[in-house]
Amino acid sequence: MFPTAGVVIMDTEFADVIGHDVTTITCVCGNTVGNEGLIQANSDGMPVHLGRDTPVPAGLAPWPEDEDLYTLCPSCGRVYHDSVIEETGTAPVALRVDVAAGPVAEAIQVHWSRDV
């Protein structure tokens, strides 16, 4: 953050992304889809369940009805808004969540323990 005449301006972090493809994100921390895996999430950073015809497992959020998806880095907790990436070809960090404790950490464990 940079203080400027009494105004606080957030210094936005950006992940690397190729073109407008969310599957090519390289998180600020270096994690990728092929590394420790990035996870699709909702606007709160909670991992979501894709299983269209199966019940949502306890701990995961349902797939957003509006399909407003985000990408969560389970390594550092940075969350990227997929529609921003698809529209602009840039990947600013939308928010950060705690991946070490609480419901997000539990959802990550559920995600990795299931074929979702």
N, C-alpha and C. Protein backbone atom coordinates (compact mmCIF):
# COMPACT_ATOMS: atom_id res chain seq x y z
N MET A 1 0.84 -1.17 0.00
CA MET A 1 0.00 0.00 0.00
C MET A 1 0.89 1.24 0.00
N PHE A 2 0.43 2.26 -0.67
CA PHE A 2 1.16 3.50 -0.76
C PHE A 2 0.30 4.64 -0.25
N PRO A 3 0.68 5.30 0.88
CA PRO A 3 -0.10 6.44 1.34
C PRO A 3 0.16 7.65 0.44
N THR A 4 -0.89 8.29 -0.03
CA THR A 4 -0.76 9.45 -0.89
C THR A 4 -1.77 10.50 -0.46
N ALA A 5 -1.30 11.57 0.15
CA ALA A 5 -2.16 12.68 0.60
C ALA A 5 -3.38 12.18 1.36
N GLY A 6 -3.17 11.28 2.32
CA GLY A 6 -4.26 10.79 3.13
C GLY A 6 -5.10 9.70 2.50
N VAL A 7 -4.75 9.28 1.29
CA VAL A 7 -5.49 8.23 0.60
C VAL A 7 -4.61 6.99 0.55
N VAL A 8 -5.20 5.84 0.84
CA VAL A 8 -4.45 4.59 0.78
C VAL A 8 -4.75 3.92 -0.55
N ILE A 9 -3.71 3.64 -1.32
CA ILE A 9 -3.84 3.00 -2.62
C ILE A 9 -3.24 1.61 -2.51
N MET A 10 -4.04 0.60 -2.86
CA MET A 10 -3.55 -0.78 -2.80
C MET A 10 -2.67 -1.06 -4.02
N ASP A 11 -1.54 -1.68 -3.79
CA ASP A 11 -0.65 -2.11 -4.86
C ASP A 11 -1.12 -3.49 -5.31
N THR A 12 -1.80 -3.56 -6.45
CA THR A 12 -2.37 -4.81 -6.92
C THR A 12 -1.28 -5.73 -7.45
N GLU A 13 -1.35 -6.98 -7.04
CA GLU A 13 -0.45 -8.00 -7.55
C GLU A 13 -1.09 -8.64 -8.77
N PHE A 14 -0.27 -9.06 -9.73
CA PHE A 14 -0.76 -9.72 -10.93
C PHE A 14 -0.06 -11.05 -11.12
N ALA A 15 -0.82 -12.08 -11.45
CA ALA A 15 -0.25 -13.37 -11.84
C ALA A 15 0.10 -13.28 -13.32
N ASP A 16 0.96 -14.17 -13.77
CA ASP A 16 1.24 -14.29 -15.20
C ASP A 16 0.14 -15.12 -15.82
N VAL A 17 -0.28 -14.73 -17.02
CA VAL A 17 -1.29 -15.48 -17.75
C VAL A 17 -0.99 -15.35 -19.24
N ILE A 18 -1.22 -16.42 -19.97
CA ILE A 18 -0.98 -16.40 -21.42
C ILE A 18 -2.30 -16.15 -22.11
N GLY A 19 -2.34 -15.09 -22.90
CA GLY A 19 -3.57 -14.74 -23.59
C GLY A 19 -4.67 -14.42 -22.61
N HIS A 20 -5.81 -14.99 -22.81
CA HIS A 20 -6.96 -14.78 -21.93
C HIS A 20 -7.41 -16.10 -21.33
N ASP A 21 -6.48 -17.03 -21.15
CA ASP A 21 -6.78 -18.41 -20.75
C ASP A 21 -6.50 -18.63 -19.27
N VAL A 22 -7.56 -18.84 -18.48
CA VAL A 22 -7.40 -19.03 -17.04
C VAL A 22 -6.61 -20.29 -16.69
N THR A 23 -6.52 -21.24 -17.62
CA THR A 23 -5.76 -22.46 -17.33
C THR A 23 -4.27 -22.27 -17.44
N THR A 24 -3.83 -21.07 -17.85
CA THR A 24 -2.40 -20.80 -17.98
C THR A 24 -1.86 -19.92 -16.87
N ILE A 25 -2.64 -19.68 -15.82
CA ILE A 25 -2.21 -18.80 -14.73
C ILE A 25 -0.97 -19.37 -14.04
N THR A 26 -0.01 -18.51 -13.81
CA THR A 26 1.09 -18.80 -12.89
C THR A 26 0.93 -17.80 -11.76
N CYS A 27 0.54 -18.30 -10.59
CA CYS A 27 0.27 -17.45 -9.43
C CYS A 27 1.50 -16.63 -9.07
N VAL A 28 1.27 -15.56 -8.36
CA VAL A 28 2.36 -14.71 -7.86
C VAL A 28 3.38 -15.56 -7.09
N CYS A 29 2.91 -16.60 -6.39
CA CYS A 29 3.80 -17.46 -5.60
C CYS A 29 4.52 -18.51 -6.46
N GLY A 30 4.15 -18.61 -7.75
CA GLY A 30 4.79 -19.57 -8.64
C GLY A 30 3.97 -20.83 -8.90
N ASN A 31 2.88 -21.02 -8.20
CA ASN A 31 2.04 -22.20 -8.39
C ASN A 31 1.31 -22.13 -9.73
N THR A 32 1.08 -23.30 -10.32
CA THR A 32 0.39 -23.38 -11.60
C THR A 32 -0.67 -24.48 -11.55
N VAL A 33 -1.43 -24.60 -12.61
CA VAL A 33 -2.42 -25.67 -12.70
C VAL A 33 -1.73 -27.02 -12.56
N GLY A 34 -0.58 -27.20 -13.17
CA GLY A 34 0.12 -28.47 -13.14
C GLY A 34 0.99 -28.70 -11.93
N ASN A 35 1.21 -27.69 -11.12
CA ASN A 35 2.08 -27.82 -9.95
C ASN A 35 1.24 -28.34 -8.78
N GLU A 36 0.91 -27.49 -7.81
CA GLU A 36 0.06 -27.91 -6.70
C GLU A 36 -1.40 -27.68 -7.05
N GLY A 37 -1.65 -27.36 -8.29
CA GLY A 37 -3.00 -27.22 -8.79
C GLY A 37 -3.73 -26.00 -8.30
N LEU A 38 -4.26 -25.24 -9.22
CA LEU A 38 -5.14 -24.14 -8.89
C LEU A 38 -6.55 -24.71 -8.89
N ILE A 39 -7.43 -24.16 -8.06
CA ILE A 39 -8.75 -24.72 -7.84
C ILE A 39 -9.82 -23.70 -8.21
N GLN A 40 -10.87 -24.14 -8.90
CA GLN A 40 -11.97 -23.22 -9.18
C GLN A 40 -12.72 -22.96 -7.89
N ALA A 41 -13.11 -21.69 -7.73
CA ALA A 41 -13.72 -21.25 -6.48
C ALA A 41 -14.86 -20.27 -6.76
N ASN A 42 -15.59 -19.93 -5.71
CA ASN A 42 -16.64 -18.92 -5.84
C ASN A 42 -16.08 -17.55 -5.45
N SER A 43 -16.93 -16.56 -5.39
CA SER A 43 -16.48 -15.19 -5.14
C SER A 43 -15.93 -14.98 -3.73
N ASP A 44 -16.12 -15.95 -2.83
CA ASP A 44 -15.54 -15.89 -1.49
C ASP A 44 -14.21 -16.63 -1.41
N GLY A 45 -13.78 -17.22 -2.53
CA GLY A 45 -12.54 -18.00 -2.53
C GLY A 45 -12.73 -19.43 -2.06
N MET A 46 -13.98 -19.86 -1.91
CA MET A 46 -14.28 -21.22 -1.45
C MET A 46 -14.29 -22.17 -2.64
N PRO A 47 -13.53 -23.27 -2.59
CA PRO A 47 -13.54 -24.24 -3.68
C PRO A 47 -14.95 -24.75 -3.97
N VAL A 48 -15.25 -24.92 -5.26
CA VAL A 48 -16.59 -25.33 -5.69
C VAL A 48 -16.58 -26.75 -6.23
N HIS A 49 -17.76 -27.34 -6.24
CA HIS A 49 -17.96 -28.70 -6.73
C HIS A 49 -18.57 -28.65 -8.12
N LEU A 50 -17.94 -29.32 -9.07
CA LEU A 50 -18.41 -29.32 -10.45
C LEU A 50 -19.46 -30.39 -10.71
N GLY A 51 -19.47 -31.46 -9.95
CA GLY A 51 -20.34 -32.60 -10.21
C GLY A 51 -21.78 -32.21 -10.49
N ARG A 52 -22.11 -32.10 -11.74
CA ARG A 52 -23.43 -31.62 -12.15
C ARG A 52 -24.56 -32.50 -11.64
N ASP A 53 -24.36 -33.80 -11.65
CA ASP A 53 -25.43 -34.73 -11.29
C ASP A 53 -25.22 -35.38 -9.93
N THR A 54 -24.26 -34.89 -9.16
CA THR A 54 -23.99 -35.48 -7.85
C THR A 54 -24.15 -34.41 -6.78
N PRO A 55 -24.52 -34.82 -5.59
CA PRO A 55 -24.67 -33.85 -4.50
C PRO A 55 -23.33 -33.18 -4.17
N VAL A 56 -23.42 -31.97 -3.67
CA VAL A 56 -22.22 -31.22 -3.28
C VAL A 56 -21.66 -31.85 -2.01
N PRO A 57 -20.41 -32.29 -2.03
CA PRO A 57 -19.81 -32.87 -0.83
C PRO A 57 -19.73 -31.84 0.30
N ALA A 58 -19.89 -32.32 1.52
CA ALA A 58 -19.77 -31.44 2.67
C ALA A 58 -18.42 -30.75 2.63
N GLY A 59 -18.42 -29.45 2.82
CA GLY A 59 -17.20 -28.67 2.84
C GLY A 59 -16.95 -27.89 1.57
N LEU A 60 -17.50 -28.33 0.43
CA LEU A 60 -17.34 -27.60 -0.82
C LEU A 60 -18.56 -26.72 -1.07
N ALA A 61 -18.35 -25.66 -1.82
CA ALA A 61 -19.46 -24.79 -2.21
C ALA A 61 -20.06 -25.32 -3.51
N PRO A 62 -21.34 -25.06 -3.73
CA PRO A 62 -21.92 -25.47 -5.01
C PRO A 62 -21.37 -24.62 -6.14
N TRP A 63 -21.41 -25.16 -7.35
CA TRP A 63 -21.01 -24.42 -8.55
C TRP A 63 -21.91 -23.19 -8.64
N PRO A 64 -21.35 -21.99 -8.82
CA PRO A 64 -22.18 -20.78 -8.86
C PRO A 64 -23.19 -20.83 -10.02
N GLU A 65 -24.46 -20.57 -9.71
CA GLU A 65 -25.49 -20.60 -10.74
C GLU A 65 -25.20 -19.60 -11.86
N ASP A 66 -24.59 -18.46 -11.50
CA ASP A 66 -24.29 -17.44 -12.51
C ASP A 66 -22.96 -17.72 -13.22
N GLU A 67 -22.31 -18.84 -12.86
CA GLU A 67 -21.03 -19.26 -13.44
C GLU A 67 -19.93 -18.20 -13.26
N ASP A 68 -20.07 -17.36 -12.23
CA ASP A 68 -19.06 -16.35 -11.92
C ASP A 68 -17.96 -17.05 -11.12
N LEU A 69 -16.95 -17.53 -11.84
CA LEU A 69 -15.91 -18.34 -11.22
C LEU A 69 -14.65 -17.55 -10.92
N TYR A 70 -13.93 -18.06 -9.94
CA TYR A 70 -12.65 -17.52 -9.53
C TYR A 70 -11.68 -18.68 -9.51
N THR A 71 -10.39 -18.37 -9.47
CA THR A 71 -9.36 -19.40 -9.38
C THR A 71 -8.57 -19.16 -8.10
N LEU A 72 -8.53 -20.19 -7.25
CA LEU A 72 -7.86 -20.13 -5.95
C LEU A 72 -6.52 -20.84 -6.03
N CYS A 73 -5.49 -20.20 -5.50
CA CYS A 73 -4.20 -20.86 -5.34
C CYS A 73 -4.19 -21.49 -3.95
N PRO A 74 -4.21 -22.83 -3.86
CA PRO A 74 -4.25 -23.48 -2.56
C PRO A 74 -2.93 -23.38 -1.80
N SER A 75 -1.91 -22.90 -2.46
CA SER A 75 -0.62 -22.76 -1.82
C SER A 75 -0.52 -21.48 -1.00
N CYS A 76 -0.99 -20.35 -1.57
CA CYS A 76 -0.82 -19.06 -0.90
C CYS A 76 -2.12 -18.33 -0.58
N GLY A 77 -3.24 -18.77 -1.15
CA GLY A 77 -4.53 -18.14 -0.85
C GLY A 77 -4.92 -16.98 -1.75
N ARG A 78 -4.12 -16.70 -2.78
CA ARG A 78 -4.52 -15.65 -3.71
C ARG A 78 -5.65 -16.17 -4.59
N VAL A 79 -6.60 -15.28 -4.88
CA VAL A 79 -7.77 -15.65 -5.67
C VAL A 79 -7.87 -14.69 -6.85
N TYR A 80 -8.09 -15.25 -8.03
CA TYR A 80 -8.17 -14.48 -9.27
C TYR A 80 -9.57 -14.62 -9.87
N HIS A 81 -10.10 -13.55 -10.42
CA HIS A 81 -11.44 -13.55 -11.02
C HIS A 81 -11.33 -13.98 -12.48
N ASP A 82 -11.93 -15.13 -12.79
CA ASP A 82 -11.81 -15.70 -14.14
C ASP A 82 -12.32 -14.76 -15.23
N SER A 83 -13.43 -14.06 -14.99
CA SER A 83 -13.97 -13.20 -16.05
C SER A 83 -13.05 -12.03 -16.35
N VAL A 84 -12.32 -11.52 -15.36
CA VAL A 84 -11.35 -10.45 -15.60
C VAL A 84 -10.23 -10.97 -16.49
N ILE A 85 -9.76 -12.17 -16.21
CA ILE A 85 -8.70 -12.78 -17.02
C ILE A 85 -9.18 -12.98 -18.45
N GLU A 86 -10.38 -13.54 -18.59
CA GLU A 86 -10.92 -13.81 -19.92
C GLU A 86 -11.16 -12.53 -20.71
N GLU A 87 -11.58 -11.45 -20.03
CA GLU A 87 -11.88 -10.19 -20.72
C GLU A 87 -10.64 -9.37 -21.02
N THR A 88 -9.68 -9.32 -20.07
CA THR A 88 -8.56 -8.39 -20.20
C THR A 88 -7.23 -9.05 -20.53
N GLY A 89 -7.12 -10.34 -20.28
CA GLY A 89 -5.84 -11.01 -20.48
C GLY A 89 -4.85 -10.72 -19.35
N THR A 90 -5.34 -10.12 -18.25
CA THR A 90 -4.51 -9.88 -17.08
C THR A 90 -5.11 -10.63 -15.89
N ALA A 91 -4.30 -10.91 -14.88
CA ALA A 91 -4.76 -11.68 -13.73
C ALA A 91 -4.43 -10.96 -12.42
N PRO A 92 -5.17 -9.88 -12.11
CA PRO A 92 -4.94 -9.23 -10.82
C PRO A 92 -5.49 -10.08 -9.69
N VAL A 93 -4.86 -10.00 -8.53
CA VAL A 93 -5.35 -10.71 -7.35
C VAL A 93 -6.63 -10.00 -6.91
N ALA A 94 -7.73 -10.76 -6.85
CA ALA A 94 -9.02 -10.20 -6.46
C ALA A 94 -9.15 -10.15 -4.94
N LEU A 95 -8.66 -11.18 -4.27
CA LEU A 95 -8.70 -11.25 -2.81
C LEU A 95 -7.76 -12.34 -2.35
N ARG A 96 -7.57 -12.39 -1.04
CA ARG A 96 -6.76 -13.46 -0.45
C ARG A 96 -7.56 -14.13 0.64
N VAL A 97 -7.39 -15.44 0.75
CA VAL A 97 -8.07 -16.20 1.80
C VAL A 97 -7.04 -17.00 2.58
N ASP A 98 -7.43 -17.42 3.78
CA ASP A 98 -6.55 -18.22 4.62
C ASP A 98 -6.68 -19.68 4.21
N VAL A 99 -5.62 -20.23 3.64
CA VAL A 99 -5.64 -21.62 3.18
C VAL A 99 -5.09 -22.58 4.24
N ALA A 100 -4.67 -22.03 5.37
CA ALA A 100 -4.06 -22.86 6.40
C ALA A 100 -5.05 -23.29 7.49
N ALA A 101 -6.20 -22.63 7.57
CA ALA A 101 -7.15 -22.94 8.63
C ALA A 101 -8.56 -22.59 8.18
N GLY A 102 -9.52 -23.08 8.93
CA GLY A 102 -10.90 -22.71 8.69
C GLY A 102 -11.54 -23.43 7.51
N PRO A 103 -12.68 -22.90 7.07
CA PRO A 103 -13.46 -23.59 6.05
C PRO A 103 -12.76 -23.70 4.68
N VAL A 104 -11.94 -22.73 4.31
CA VAL A 104 -11.25 -22.84 3.02
C VAL A 104 -10.23 -23.97 3.07
N ALA A 105 -9.48 -24.06 4.15
CA ALA A 105 -8.50 -25.15 4.30
C ALA A 105 -9.20 -26.50 4.27
N GLU A 106 -10.34 -26.60 4.94
CA GLU A 106 -11.09 -27.86 4.95
C GLU A 106 -11.61 -28.18 3.55
N ALA A 107 -12.09 -27.16 2.83
CA ALA A 107 -12.61 -27.38 1.47
C ALA A 107 -11.49 -27.82 0.52
N ILE A 108 -10.30 -27.28 0.69
CA ILE A 108 -9.17 -27.71 -0.14
C ILE A 108 -8.89 -29.19 0.09
N GLN A 109 -8.93 -29.62 1.35
CA GLN A 109 -8.71 -31.04 1.65
C GLN A 109 -9.79 -31.92 1.03
N VAL A 110 -11.05 -31.47 1.10
CA VAL A 110 -12.14 -32.22 0.49
C VAL A 110 -11.92 -32.29 -1.02
N HIS A 111 -11.54 -31.16 -1.61
CA HIS A 111 -11.29 -31.11 -3.06
C HIS A 111 -10.23 -32.13 -3.47
N TRP A 112 -9.12 -32.18 -2.75
CA TRP A 112 -8.03 -33.08 -3.12
C TRP A 112 -8.36 -34.54 -2.81
N SER A 113 -9.26 -34.77 -1.87
CA SER A 113 -9.58 -36.16 -1.51
C SER A 113 -10.66 -36.76 -2.41
N ARG A 114 -11.30 -35.94 -3.25
CA ARG A 114 -12.36 -36.41 -4.14
C ARG A 114 -11.96 -36.18 -5.59
N ASP A 115 -12.61 -36.84 -6.47
CA ASP A 115 -12.41 -36.62 -7.89
C ASP A 115 -13.46 -35.59 -8.32
N VAL A 116 -13.15 -34.30 -8.12
CA VAL A 116 -14.12 -33.23 -8.41
C VAL A 116 -13.75 -32.45 -9.64
